[in-house]
Amino acid sequence: MNKYKLIFIGTSSFGLPAFTALASDPDFEIILTITQPDLPAGRRQIITASPIKLKAEEKGIAVLQPQFISDIREKILSQNPDLIVVAAYGQLIPEDILNIPQFGCLNLHASLLPKYRGSAVIQAAILNGDRQTGITVMKLDKGLDTGPILAQSPLNIAEDDTAETLRAKLAAASADFLANAIKRYLTGEISPAPQDSSLASFAKTLTKSDGLVDWTKPADYLEKFIRAMWPWPAAWTWWNGKQVKIISAQNQPLEISSYKPGKTFKYNSGLAVQCGQNALIIKKLQLEGKTALDSQEFLRGQKDFMGSVLG
């Protein structure tokens, strides 16, 4: 049996389990990988290759890294792929590229479409208190996550999930699911079904400023906010002109509303912050330029933090 020729387009670690599964599947051959250019990463801003590029090179698969994918349309056309698969690439794929493969272009998306189209879909599910999210395999069209759906798989959200842990769970669950969905699609077992756009919602790309904590919000909302923002952009607040990341808080808010929002106070042996309604016990935080510490260690080094008002 001839293998289906695939082009895989992706950048972040989210697509890594799916890429690895497809590269190892005897029914597929990844003939080309397309990923974003190497970028500075980390505190020292070291130029770093994407996880997808590193895995492709490990497996001896050709890699292209255009600034804009439209620049390599002719190269993609020359490969004569049966199918293009996209997972967390970071650019919209132009329609003239979507139409190149015989079977079109499929996308791995980290929500149960049409809920949460867009970028920060994992964060949105946590922030909104959803008990369940999932992965969607869809056929791309010229819109943003508007194409017809091939398959979906739900996944429960744990009470302590952060965007980081939930992203890892969704990525792991997607590997075999994507491969199986592609095979069922290519053999005609499943067909793309249009989305109900009246049910659609959108999750915009996050910036650093989106992580600024508004202490006038209720404590139960801010507990979800802290988890949703980790690790990027991280929930952060101002203290004495410096940024402090709030890495984790206790799930159960305190029924205390007697201080000004943002006021830090001692609760038992821990650190609490007053919110617009109720208060949060802060478990772990990080002053800019310093390492992350649990609250007791942090307070030993920053004795004037307790009793201050965060902004």
Protein backbone atom coordinates (compact mmCIF):
# COMPACT_ATOMS: atom_id res chain seq x y z
CA MET A 1 0.00 0.00 0.00
CA ASN A 2 1.27 3.47 -0.89
CA LYS A 3 1.73 5.88 1.98
CA TYR A 4 -0.20 9.13 2.11
CA LYS A 5 2.20 12.05 1.64
CA LEU A 6 1.78 14.69 4.31
CA ILE A 7 3.16 18.16 4.92
CA PHE A 8 3.13 19.01 8.63
CA ILE A 9 2.90 22.68 9.59
CA GLY A 10 3.46 23.52 13.26
CA THR A 11 5.68 25.29 15.74
CA SER A 12 4.95 24.81 19.44
CA SER A 13 5.24 21.73 21.62
CA PHE A 14 1.45 21.32 21.49
CA GLY A 15 1.78 19.65 18.08
CA LEU A 16 4.72 17.44 19.07
CA PRO A 17 2.80 14.28 20.11
CA ALA A 18 0.69 14.47 16.95
CA PHE A 19 3.76 15.03 14.76
CA THR A 20 5.57 12.09 16.38
CA ALA A 21 2.56 9.81 15.95
CA LEU A 22 2.16 10.68 12.27
CA ALA A 23 5.90 10.33 11.61
CA SER A 24 5.82 6.83 13.13
CA ASP A 25 2.65 5.66 11.39
CA PRO A 26 3.26 3.25 8.48
CA ASP A 27 0.31 4.72 6.56
CA PHE A 28 1.86 8.20 6.37
CA GLU A 29 5.02 9.84 5.12
CA ILE A 30 5.81 13.38 6.27
CA ILE A 31 7.61 14.71 3.22
CA LEU A 32 8.12 18.25 4.55
CA THR A 33 7.82 20.14 7.81
CA ILE A 34 7.11 23.87 7.91
CA THR A 35 7.69 25.79 11.13
CA GLN A 36 8.33 29.35 12.29
CA PRO A 37 11.85 30.82 12.11
CA ASP A 38 14.16 30.30 15.10
CA LEU A 39 13.46 32.94 17.76
CA PRO A 40 15.06 34.29 20.95
CA ALA A 41 13.80 32.45 24.04
CA GLY A 42 14.26 32.58 27.79
CA ARG A 43 15.75 35.24 30.02
CA ARG A 44 19.00 35.23 28.06
CA GLN A 45 17.15 35.46 24.71
CA ILE A 46 19.08 32.59 23.12
CA ILE A 47 18.10 31.87 19.52
CA THR A 48 16.11 28.63 19.74
CA ALA A 49 14.59 26.25 17.21
CA SER A 50 10.95 25.21 17.56
CA PRO A 51 10.16 21.80 19.11
CA ILE A 52 8.71 20.70 15.77
CA LYS A 53 11.90 21.61 13.90
CA LEU A 54 14.05 19.70 16.38
CA LYS A 55 11.89 16.58 16.12
CA ALA A 56 11.79 16.76 12.32
CA GLU A 57 15.58 17.02 12.10
CA GLU A 58 15.90 14.11 14.52
CA LYS A 59 13.80 12.02 12.13
CA GLY A 60 15.58 13.25 8.99
CA ILE A 61 12.56 15.15 7.64
CA ALA A 62 13.14 18.29 5.55
CA VAL A 63 12.30 21.58 7.29
CA LEU A 64 11.40 25.01 5.89
CA GLN A 65 11.10 28.14 8.05
CA PRO A 66 9.65 30.99 5.98
CA GLN A 67 8.87 34.35 7.52
CA PHE A 68 5.54 34.12 5.73
CA ILE A 69 4.20 30.81 4.50
CA SER A 70 2.86 32.46 1.34
CA ASP A 71 6.50 32.90 0.27
CA ILE A 72 6.92 29.14 -0.27
CA ARG A 73 3.69 28.35 -2.08
CA GLU A 74 5.54 27.05 -5.15
CA LYS A 75 7.73 24.80 -2.98
CA ILE A 76 4.62 23.31 -1.34
CA LEU A 77 3.00 22.83 -4.75
CA SER A 78 6.08 21.01 -6.05
CA GLN A 79 5.85 18.47 -3.20
CA ASN A 80 2.44 17.29 -4.47
CA PRO A 81 1.16 16.41 -0.97
CA ASP A 82 -1.99 14.35 -0.44
CA LEU A 83 -2.77 16.29 2.72
CA ILE A 84 -1.49 19.16 4.85
CA VAL A 85 -1.79 18.90 8.65
CA VAL A 86 -1.54 22.02 10.84
CA ALA A 87 -1.06 22.18 14.61
CA ALA A 88 -0.31 25.41 16.51
CA TYR A 89 1.65 27.05 13.71
CA GLY A 90 1.04 30.72 14.51
CA GLN A 91 0.04 31.98 11.04
CA LEU A 92 -3.12 31.77 8.97
CA ILE A 93 -2.67 29.54 5.93
CA PRO A 94 -3.64 31.35 2.69
CA GLU A 95 -6.47 29.86 0.64
CA ASP A 96 -4.24 29.24 -2.37
CA ILE A 97 -2.14 26.91 -0.20
CA LEU A 98 -5.14 25.25 1.45
CA ASN A 99 -6.33 24.16 -1.98
CA ILE A 100 -3.07 22.51 -3.06
CA PRO A 101 -3.49 19.00 -1.57
CA GLN A 102 -6.03 16.55 -2.97
CA PHE A 103 -7.59 16.11 0.48
CA GLY A 104 -7.19 19.69 1.65
CA CYS A 105 -5.71 20.92 4.87
CA LEU A 106 -6.63 19.65 8.36
CA ASN A 107 -6.08 21.47 11.64
CA LEU A 108 -5.68 20.23 15.22
CA HIS A 109 -7.46 22.70 17.51
CA ALA A 110 -7.42 22.76 21.31
CA SER A 111 -11.12 23.36 22.00
CA LEU A 112 -14.49 21.87 21.15
CA LEU A 113 -15.39 24.10 18.22
CA PRO A 114 -17.30 26.26 17.57
CA LYS A 115 -16.60 27.23 21.18
CA TYR A 116 -13.34 29.16 21.47
CA ARG A 117 -12.09 29.94 18.03
CA GLY A 118 -8.81 31.84 17.99
CA SER A 119 -5.59 31.69 19.94
CA ALA A 120 -5.91 31.59 23.75
CA VAL A 121 -8.53 28.84 23.74
CA ILE A 122 -7.04 26.78 26.58
CA GLN A 123 -6.84 29.83 28.82
CA ALA A 124 -10.44 30.75 27.98
CA ALA A 125 -11.78 27.35 29.03
CA ILE A 126 -10.11 27.62 32.46
CA LEU A 127 -10.99 31.29 32.96
CA ASN A 128 -14.65 30.66 32.21
CA GLY A 129 -14.83 27.80 34.69
CA ASP A 130 -15.61 25.15 32.08
CA ARG A 131 -15.61 21.60 33.39
CA GLN A 132 -14.74 20.19 29.99
CA THR A 133 -12.83 21.11 26.88
CA GLY A 134 -11.30 18.92 24.18
CA ILE A 135 -9.66 18.68 20.80
CA THR A 136 -11.13 19.18 17.35
CA VAL A 137 -9.88 17.96 14.00
CA MET A 138 -11.26 20.28 11.36
CA LYS A 139 -10.80 21.10 7.70
CA LEU A 140 -9.31 24.54 7.24
CA ASP A 141 -10.97 27.21 5.14
CA LYS A 142 -10.09 30.88 4.65
CA GLY A 143 -11.67 31.90 7.98
CA LEU A 144 -10.16 31.64 11.47
CA ASP A 145 -11.18 28.24 12.85
CA THR A 146 -14.44 28.38 10.87
CA GLY A 147 -14.00 25.24 8.76
CA PRO A 148 -16.07 22.05 8.96
CA ILE A 149 -15.42 19.53 11.73
CA LEU A 150 -14.20 15.96 11.20
CA ALA A 151 -13.88 14.65 14.76
CA GLN A 152 -13.86 15.81 18.38
CA SER A 153 -12.68 14.30 21.65
CA PRO A 154 -13.71 15.79 25.04
CA LEU A 155 -11.38 16.07 28.03
CA ASN A 156 -12.27 17.02 31.60
CA ILE A 157 -10.63 20.04 33.23
CA ALA A 158 -9.27 19.35 36.72
CA GLU A 159 -9.78 21.89 39.52
CA ASP A 160 -6.05 22.55 39.70
CA ASP A 161 -5.31 22.61 35.96
CA THR A 162 -3.27 25.52 34.68
CA ALA A 163 -3.03 26.44 31.02
CA GLU A 164 0.30 24.61 31.05
CA THR A 165 -1.00 21.32 32.48
CA LEU A 166 -4.19 21.37 30.41
CA ARG A 167 -2.23 22.07 27.23
CA ALA A 168 -0.01 19.05 27.96
CA LYS A 169 -3.04 16.80 28.52
CA LEU A 170 -4.70 17.94 25.30
CA ALA A 171 -1.48 17.48 23.34
CA ALA A 172 -0.99 13.95 24.67
CA ALA A 173 -4.60 13.02 23.91
CA SER A 174 -4.36 14.37 20.36
CA ALA A 175 -1.64 12.06 19.05
CA ASP A 176 -3.50 8.85 18.24
CA PHE A 177 -6.80 10.69 17.92
CA LEU A 178 -5.53 12.85 15.07
CA ALA A 179 -3.96 9.93 13.20
CA ASN A 180 -7.18 7.89 13.46
CA ALA A 181 -9.34 10.83 12.40
CA ILE A 182 -7.15 11.44 9.34
CA LYS A 183 -7.40 7.79 8.29
CA ARG A 184 -11.18 7.77 8.69
CA TYR A 185 -11.39 10.95 6.64
CA LEU A 186 -9.11 9.72 3.85
CA THR A 187 -11.07 6.47 3.52
CA GLY A 188 -14.43 8.26 3.46
CA GLU A 189 -15.62 6.91 6.81
CA ILE A 190 -16.23 10.45 8.09
CA SER A 191 -17.04 13.66 6.26
CA PRO A 192 -16.58 17.28 7.28
CA ALA A 193 -19.66 18.71 9.03
CA PRO A 194 -20.22 22.48 9.08
CA GLN A 195 -19.94 24.39 12.35
CA ASP A 196 -22.92 26.19 13.84
CA SER A 197 -21.51 29.70 13.80
CA SER A 198 -24.32 30.98 16.02
CA LEU A 199 -22.64 29.06 18.88
CA ALA A 200 -19.15 30.40 18.18
CA SER A 201 -17.02 32.31 20.66
CA PHE A 202 -13.56 33.80 20.23
CA ALA A 203 -10.43 33.77 22.40
CA LYS A 204 -8.01 36.53 21.41
CA THR A 205 -4.23 36.35 21.50
CA LEU A 206 -2.90 37.24 24.94
CA THR A 207 -0.34 39.96 25.60
CA LYS A 208 1.73 40.62 28.71
CA SER A 209 -0.72 43.29 29.87
CA ASP A 210 -3.57 40.74 29.89
CA GLY A 211 -1.94 39.11 32.92
CA LEU A 212 -2.31 42.19 35.16
CA VAL A 213 -4.45 41.21 38.15
CA ASP A 214 -7.51 43.34 38.89
CA TRP A 215 -7.91 42.82 42.63
CA THR A 216 -11.43 44.30 42.54
CA LYS A 217 -12.60 41.08 40.85
CA PRO A 218 -14.06 38.30 43.03
CA ALA A 219 -11.61 35.81 44.54
CA ASP A 220 -13.12 32.78 42.77
CA TYR A 221 -12.63 34.51 39.41
CA LEU A 222 -9.04 35.48 40.23
CA GLU A 223 -8.16 31.93 41.31
CA LYS A 224 -9.18 30.75 37.83
CA PHE A 225 -7.41 33.74 36.28
CA ILE A 226 -4.12 32.82 37.96
CA ARG A 227 -4.35 29.25 36.64
CA ALA A 228 -5.41 30.36 33.16
CA MET A 229 -2.53 32.81 32.80
CA TRP A 230 0.20 30.32 33.74
CA PRO A 231 2.81 30.16 32.29
CA TRP A 232 2.11 32.98 29.80
CA PRO A 233 1.59 35.84 30.31
CA ALA A 234 1.40 34.86 34.01
CA ALA A 235 -0.86 36.67 36.47
CA TRP A 236 1.11 39.61 37.80
CA THR A 237 0.67 42.67 39.98
CA TRP A 238 2.57 45.83 40.96
CA TRP A 239 4.32 46.17 44.31
CA ASN A 240 6.67 49.07 45.12
CA GLY A 241 7.14 49.74 41.41
CA LYS A 242 8.11 46.13 40.67
CA GLN A 243 6.21 43.30 39.01
CA VAL A 244 5.32 40.27 41.09
CA LYS A 245 4.03 37.12 39.43
CA ILE A 246 1.25 35.30 41.28
CA ILE A 247 2.01 31.71 40.32
CA SER A 248 -0.55 29.82 42.37
CA ALA A 249 -3.29 30.38 44.91
CA GLN A 250 -5.44 28.14 47.08
CA ASN A 251 -8.52 26.86 45.23
CA GLN A 252 -10.95 27.74 48.02
CA PRO A 253 -11.36 31.52 48.58
CA LEU A 254 -11.57 32.94 52.10
CA GLU A 255 -14.88 34.47 53.12
CA ILE A 256 -13.22 37.72 54.16
CA SER A 257 -14.13 41.10 52.67
CA SER A 258 -12.97 43.56 55.31
CA TYR A 259 -9.92 45.07 53.57
CA LYS A 260 -9.28 47.23 50.53
CA PRO A 261 -8.89 45.15 47.33
CA GLY A 262 -5.22 44.29 46.85
CA LYS A 263 -4.41 44.52 50.57
CA THR A 264 -2.08 41.74 51.74
CA PHE A 265 -2.65 40.26 55.18
CA LYS A 266 -1.65 37.28 57.27
CA TYR A 267 -4.04 34.34 57.46
CA ASN A 268 -2.94 31.57 59.82
CA SER A 269 0.70 31.21 58.76
CA GLY A 270 0.07 32.11 55.13
CA LEU A 271 -0.26 35.14 52.87
CA ALA A 272 -3.70 36.32 51.75
CA VAL A 273 -4.81 39.10 49.42
CA GLN A 274 -8.17 40.84 49.63
CA CYS A 275 -10.22 40.71 46.44
CA GLY A 276 -13.37 42.54 45.45
CA GLN A 277 -15.32 39.71 47.02
CA ASN A 278 -13.63 37.33 49.45
CA ALA A 279 -9.85 36.81 49.57
CA LEU A 280 -7.22 34.47 48.18
CA ILE A 281 -4.45 32.59 49.96
CA ILE A 282 -1.34 32.96 47.78
CA LYS A 283 0.79 29.83 47.64
CA LYS A 284 3.63 30.78 45.29
CA LEU A 285 4.90 34.05 43.82
CA GLN A 286 7.93 35.59 42.14
CA LEU A 287 9.42 39.07 42.33
CA GLU A 288 10.83 40.29 39.02
CA GLY A 289 14.45 39.26 38.57
CA LYS A 290 14.19 36.68 41.36
CA THR A 291 13.36 32.98 41.58
CA ALA A 292 9.84 31.72 42.33
CA LEU A 293 9.22 31.02 46.02
CA ASP A 294 6.43 29.73 48.20
CA SER A 295 4.78 32.54 50.13
CA GLN A 296 6.56 31.91 53.44
CA GLU A 297 10.00 31.97 51.82
CA PHE A 298 9.03 35.05 49.84
CA LEU A 299 7.92 36.93 52.98
CA ARG A 300 11.17 36.13 54.78
CA GLY A 301 13.04 38.00 52.07
CA GLN A 302 10.44 40.77 51.53
CA LYS A 303 9.30 41.66 55.05
CA ASP A 304 7.48 44.84 54.00
CA PHE A 305 5.27 42.93 51.52
CA MET A 306 2.79 41.95 54.24
CA GLY A 307 0.31 44.75 54.84
CA SER A 308 0.99 46.49 51.52
CA VAL A 309 -1.61 47.15 48.82
CA LEU A 310 -0.95 45.54 45.46
CA GLY A 311 -1.95 47.37 42.30
